Protein backbone atom coordinates (compact mmCIF):
# COMPACT_ATOMS: atom_id res chain seq x y z
CA MET A 1 103.01 90.42 121.56
CA LEU A 2 103.04 92.67 124.64
CA ASN A 3 106.24 93.41 126.46
CA LYS A 4 106.28 90.89 129.35
CA LEU A 5 108.05 93.29 131.71
CA ASN A 6 105.96 96.32 130.84
CA PRO A 7 102.90 95.54 128.69
CA TRP A 8 101.70 99.16 128.85
CA LYS A 9 104.94 100.36 127.27
CA THR A 10 104.20 98.39 124.09
CA GLN A 11 100.57 99.54 124.07
CA ASN A 12 101.51 103.19 124.56
CA LYS A 13 104.12 102.97 121.81
CA ALA A 14 101.55 101.57 119.39
CA SER A 15 99.04 104.22 120.41
CA SER A 16 101.62 106.97 119.93
CA LEU A 17 102.54 105.67 116.48
CA ASN A 18 98.89 105.49 115.44
CA GLU A 19 98.39 109.08 116.56
CA ARG A 20 101.43 110.20 114.56
CA ILE A 21 100.18 108.32 111.49
CA LEU A 22 96.83 110.10 111.74
CA GLN A 23 98.62 113.44 112.06
CA VAL A 24 100.79 112.71 109.01
CA LYS A 25 97.73 111.69 107.00
CA SER A 26 95.94 114.90 107.96
CA GLN A 27 98.59 116.87 106.03
CA GLU A 28 99.85 116.43 102.48
CA PRO A 29 102.15 113.38 102.44
CA PRO A 30 105.08 113.26 100.01
CA SER A 31 103.77 111.92 96.71
CA HIS A 32 106.99 110.07 95.84
CA ILE A 33 109.49 108.75 98.40
CA ALA A 34 112.81 107.24 97.31
CA ILE A 35 114.89 105.12 99.68
CA ILE A 36 118.55 104.11 99.57
CA MET A 37 118.36 100.97 101.71
CA ASP A 38 121.86 100.87 103.17
CA GLY A 39 123.45 98.93 106.01
CA ASN A 40 122.31 95.34 105.47
CA GLY A 41 125.85 93.96 105.45
CA ARG A 42 126.92 95.90 108.54
CA TRP A 43 123.78 94.80 110.37
CA ALA A 44 124.74 91.18 109.75
CA GLN A 45 128.42 91.63 110.61
CA LYS A 46 127.52 93.23 113.95
CA ARG A 47 125.70 89.99 114.76
CA SER A 48 128.49 87.73 113.42
CA LEU A 49 126.19 86.63 110.59
CA PRO A 50 126.95 86.38 106.87
CA ARG A 51 126.16 89.54 104.90
CA ILE A 52 123.35 87.78 103.07
CA ALA A 53 121.47 87.45 106.36
CA GLY A 54 121.26 91.23 106.48
CA HIS A 55 119.88 91.38 102.95
CA HIS A 56 117.25 88.80 103.85
CA GLU A 57 116.23 90.76 106.93
CA GLY A 58 116.12 93.94 104.87
CA MET A 59 113.65 92.30 102.51
CA LYS A 60 111.14 92.05 105.36
CA VAL A 61 111.52 95.77 106.02
CA VAL A 62 110.61 96.55 102.39
CA ARG A 63 107.30 94.75 102.92
CA LYS A 64 106.62 96.61 106.19
CA ILE A 65 107.43 100.06 104.78
CA THR A 66 105.48 99.40 101.58
CA LYS A 67 102.34 98.64 103.60
CA LEU A 68 102.76 101.76 105.71
CA ALA A 69 103.48 103.98 102.70
CA SER A 70 100.28 102.71 101.09
CA GLN A 71 98.35 103.39 104.30
CA LEU A 72 99.72 106.93 104.48
CA GLY A 73 98.63 107.77 100.94
CA VAL A 74 102.08 107.88 99.35
CA LYS A 75 101.66 107.44 95.59
CA THR A 76 105.12 106.10 94.67
CA LEU A 77 107.82 104.33 96.68
CA THR A 78 111.12 103.76 94.89
CA VAL A 79 113.61 101.45 96.62
CA TYR A 80 117.25 101.19 95.52
CA ALA A 81 117.61 97.41 95.48
CA PHE A 82 120.74 96.85 93.35
CA SER A 83 123.01 99.32 91.60
CA THR A 84 125.07 98.91 88.44
CA GLU A 85 128.13 99.08 90.73
CA ASN A 86 126.94 96.26 93.00
CA TRP A 87 128.15 93.65 90.50
CA LYS A 88 131.63 94.29 92.01
CA ARG A 89 130.59 92.56 95.23
CA PRO A 90 131.54 88.92 95.99
CA LYS A 91 129.78 86.46 93.65
CA ARG A 92 128.01 84.67 96.52
CA GLU A 93 126.48 87.93 97.69
CA VAL A 94 125.49 89.00 94.16
CA ASP A 95 123.90 85.61 93.47
CA PHE A 96 121.87 85.93 96.67
CA LEU A 97 120.80 89.49 95.83
CA MET A 98 119.61 88.28 92.44
CA LYS A 99 117.44 85.68 94.17
CA LEU A 100 115.88 88.18 96.59
CA PRO A 101 113.39 89.70 94.11
CA GLU A 102 112.22 86.19 93.25
CA GLU A 103 111.76 85.34 96.95
CA PHE A 104 110.21 88.68 97.88
CA LEU A 105 107.74 88.74 95.01
CA GLY A 106 107.05 85.02 95.25
CA THR A 107 106.17 85.41 98.93
CA TYR A 108 104.43 88.78 99.01
CA LEU A 109 102.92 89.20 95.53
CA PRO A 110 99.41 88.01 96.63
CA GLU A 111 99.57 90.55 99.45
CA LEU A 112 100.67 93.31 97.07
CA VAL A 113 97.79 92.48 94.74
CA GLU A 114 95.36 92.57 97.66
CA GLU A 115 96.79 95.93 98.79
CA ASN A 116 96.25 97.32 95.26
CA VAL A 117 100.02 97.94 94.89
CA LYS A 118 101.44 98.29 91.39
CA VAL A 119 104.96 96.89 90.92
CA THR A 120 107.31 98.58 88.45
CA MET A 121 111.04 98.47 87.84
CA MET A 122 113.68 100.83 86.53
CA GLY A 123 117.14 99.67 85.56
CA TYR A 124 118.83 97.45 83.00
CA LYS A 125 116.57 94.42 83.17
CA ASP A 126 118.12 92.58 80.23
CA LYS A 127 121.38 92.18 82.19
CA LEU A 128 119.67 90.45 85.13
CA PRO A 129 119.62 86.63 85.43
CA PRO A 130 116.61 85.04 83.67
CA HIS A 131 115.03 83.90 86.96
CA THR A 132 115.17 87.47 88.30
CA GLN A 133 113.68 88.85 85.11
CA ARG A 134 110.84 86.34 85.22
CA ALA A 135 109.95 87.21 88.81
CA VAL A 136 109.88 90.94 88.11
CA GLU A 137 107.94 90.54 84.85
CA LYS A 138 105.31 88.36 86.54
CA ALA A 139 104.86 90.87 89.36
CA MET A 140 104.54 93.75 86.89
CA LYS A 141 102.03 91.81 84.79
CA ASP A 142 99.92 90.71 87.77
CA THR A 143 99.73 94.22 89.23
CA LYS A 144 99.62 96.38 86.07
CA ASP A 145 95.97 97.32 86.58
CA ASN A 146 96.34 98.19 90.27
CA THR A 147 95.66 101.82 91.11
CA GLY A 148 97.18 102.22 94.57
CA LEU A 149 100.79 102.74 95.60
CA THR A 150 103.43 102.18 92.91
CA LEU A 151 106.31 100.13 94.33
CA ASN A 152 109.19 100.91 91.98
CA PHE A 153 112.31 98.73 92.27
CA ALA A 154 115.58 100.33 91.14
CA LEU A 155 117.26 97.11 90.10
CA ASN A 156 120.57 97.10 88.24
CA TYR A 157 120.14 100.86 88.10
CA GLY A 158 122.77 103.58 87.78
CA SER A 159 121.92 107.23 87.26
CA ARG A 160 124.97 108.21 85.20
CA ALA A 161 124.33 105.40 82.73
CA GLU A 162 120.65 106.40 82.63
CA ILE A 163 121.53 110.02 81.83
CA LEU A 164 124.10 109.03 79.18
CA ASP A 165 121.56 106.75 77.50
CA ALA A 166 119.01 109.56 77.55
CA VAL A 167 121.52 111.91 75.88
CA LYS A 168 122.19 109.32 73.18
CA ASP A 169 118.45 108.92 72.55
CA VAL A 170 118.04 112.69 72.33
CA LEU A 171 120.88 112.92 69.80
CA ASN A 172 119.41 110.07 67.76
CA ASP A 173 116.02 111.77 67.63
CA CYS A 174 117.64 115.06 66.66
CA ASN A 175 119.53 113.32 63.86
CA LYS A 176 116.34 111.65 62.67
CA GLY A 177 114.51 114.97 62.73
CA THR A 178 111.88 113.85 65.23
CA LEU A 179 113.21 116.32 67.81
CA GLU A 180 114.46 119.87 67.27
CA VAL A 181 117.30 121.08 69.47
CA GLY A 182 115.24 124.14 70.36
CA GLU A 183 112.47 121.90 71.67
CA LEU A 184 114.73 120.32 74.29
CA ASP A 185 113.93 121.53 77.79
CA GLU A 186 113.96 119.91 81.24
CA GLU A 187 110.52 118.38 80.81
CA THR A 188 111.40 116.92 77.43
CA PHE A 189 114.71 115.53 78.69
CA SER A 190 112.95 113.96 81.68
CA SER A 191 110.74 112.05 79.26
CA TYR A 192 113.85 110.18 78.04
CA LEU A 193 114.70 108.91 81.53
CA MET A 194 113.62 105.63 83.10
CA THR A 195 111.32 107.58 85.42
CA SER A 196 109.40 109.22 82.57
CA SER A 197 106.08 107.93 83.92
CA LEU A 198 106.81 108.96 87.53
CA PRO A 199 106.98 112.30 89.34
CA ASP A 200 110.33 113.33 90.78
CA PRO A 201 110.80 112.21 94.40
CA ASP A 202 109.66 114.66 97.05
CA LEU A 203 111.70 112.94 99.75
CA LEU A 204 114.88 110.85 99.75
CA ILE A 205 115.62 108.63 102.74
CA ARG A 206 119.03 107.03 103.24
CA THR A 207 119.83 104.71 106.13
CA SER A 208 123.10 103.61 107.81
CA GLY A 209 124.71 107.02 108.34
CA GLU A 210 126.13 107.45 104.85
CA ILE A 211 125.51 110.91 103.39
CA ARG A 212 125.80 110.53 99.63
CA LEU A 213 123.61 109.67 96.64
CA SER A 214 125.64 106.71 95.34
CA ASN A 215 124.67 107.28 91.69
CA PHE A 216 120.96 107.26 92.49
CA MET A 217 118.46 109.43 90.58
CA LEU A 218 120.92 112.34 90.15
CA TRP A 219 118.62 114.25 87.80
CA GLN A 220 115.35 113.45 89.57
CA LEU A 221 116.53 114.42 93.08
CA ALA A 222 117.41 118.01 92.14
CA TYR A 223 114.78 119.53 94.45
CA SER A 224 114.00 116.61 96.74
CA GLU A 225 114.19 116.91 100.52
CA PHE A 226 116.86 114.62 102.03
CA TRP A 227 116.56 112.73 105.33
CA PHE A 228 119.51 110.72 106.63
CA THR A 229 119.60 108.38 109.60
CA ASP A 230 122.29 106.27 111.29
CA VAL A 231 119.80 103.40 111.59
CA LEU A 232 120.78 100.35 109.53
CA TRP A 233 118.12 99.30 107.03
CA PRO A 234 117.13 96.00 108.77
CA ASP A 235 116.43 98.07 111.92
CA PHE A 236 114.42 100.72 110.06
CA SER A 237 110.95 100.83 111.59
CA GLU A 238 107.54 102.35 110.98
CA GLU A 239 108.46 104.98 113.57
CA HIS A 240 111.54 105.99 111.55
CA PHE A 241 109.51 106.21 108.34
CA VAL A 242 106.87 108.37 110.00
CA GLU A 243 109.59 110.56 111.49
CA ALA A 244 111.10 111.15 108.04
CA ILE A 245 107.72 112.25 106.71
CA GLU A 246 107.12 114.46 109.75
CA VAL A 247 110.43 116.23 109.07
CA PHE A 248 109.48 116.58 105.40
CA GLN A 249 106.13 118.11 106.32
CA SER A 250 107.85 120.60 108.65
CA ARG A 251 110.08 121.95 105.87
CA GLN A 252 109.25 124.79 103.53
CA ARG A 253 109.97 123.88 99.91
CA ARG A 254 110.73 126.95 97.80
CA PHE A 255 112.22 125.36 94.64
CA GLY A 256 114.65 128.24 94.27
CA GLY A 257 112.06 130.93 95.07
CA VAL A 258 111.61 133.05 98.17
């Protein structure tokens, strides 16, 4: 809908965004973008709403950014939906967060299928409620043959636990004789992680003004570019996403070289 006070302002904004999208697409977009979606609770509290209202609003942003990422040619979008530490939150909030994947996928799965999006998940699925597991498993099954953007949900995920489990698996394979200690290098170790089928993220985005990783993909983000914004996740727009990619494209990545 056009701005009633200044309809040209809305039109010009849309035109400007479309031009920026075309410019971003003309260069190499980041292959894998990871997002720490922070600030849902604060967004709600600023509006005197329950925290769960912020999570619900944030769900709509996931849909919007997924569509744009697909349009821009991003291959993988990983969103940090629920950490292994988030179980410490109030039960009402946790219960709501466990229902969100079911609502999101139940509402938008046909659209994801139509957009050729492949849904995957990393995290400790067996510890999720059965209804959450069913929703994720159905989405993964219905989209497994899709060849477009991979939408990877980090759900009940914690990087330290992931790394410890990988170390245990490496030790078990060494003890069984299926892996020699001398064969262990970074590439081999990466194959034991939950992201074994994915490239490392090129770009990490974190919203809400926090500047930390919060136990998210500690191994995989070793050479990723970071982009932080004070914007709360429910207010995160297409313009912000494009801006993050523009900044990424302006940087020179040397990976320790000159």
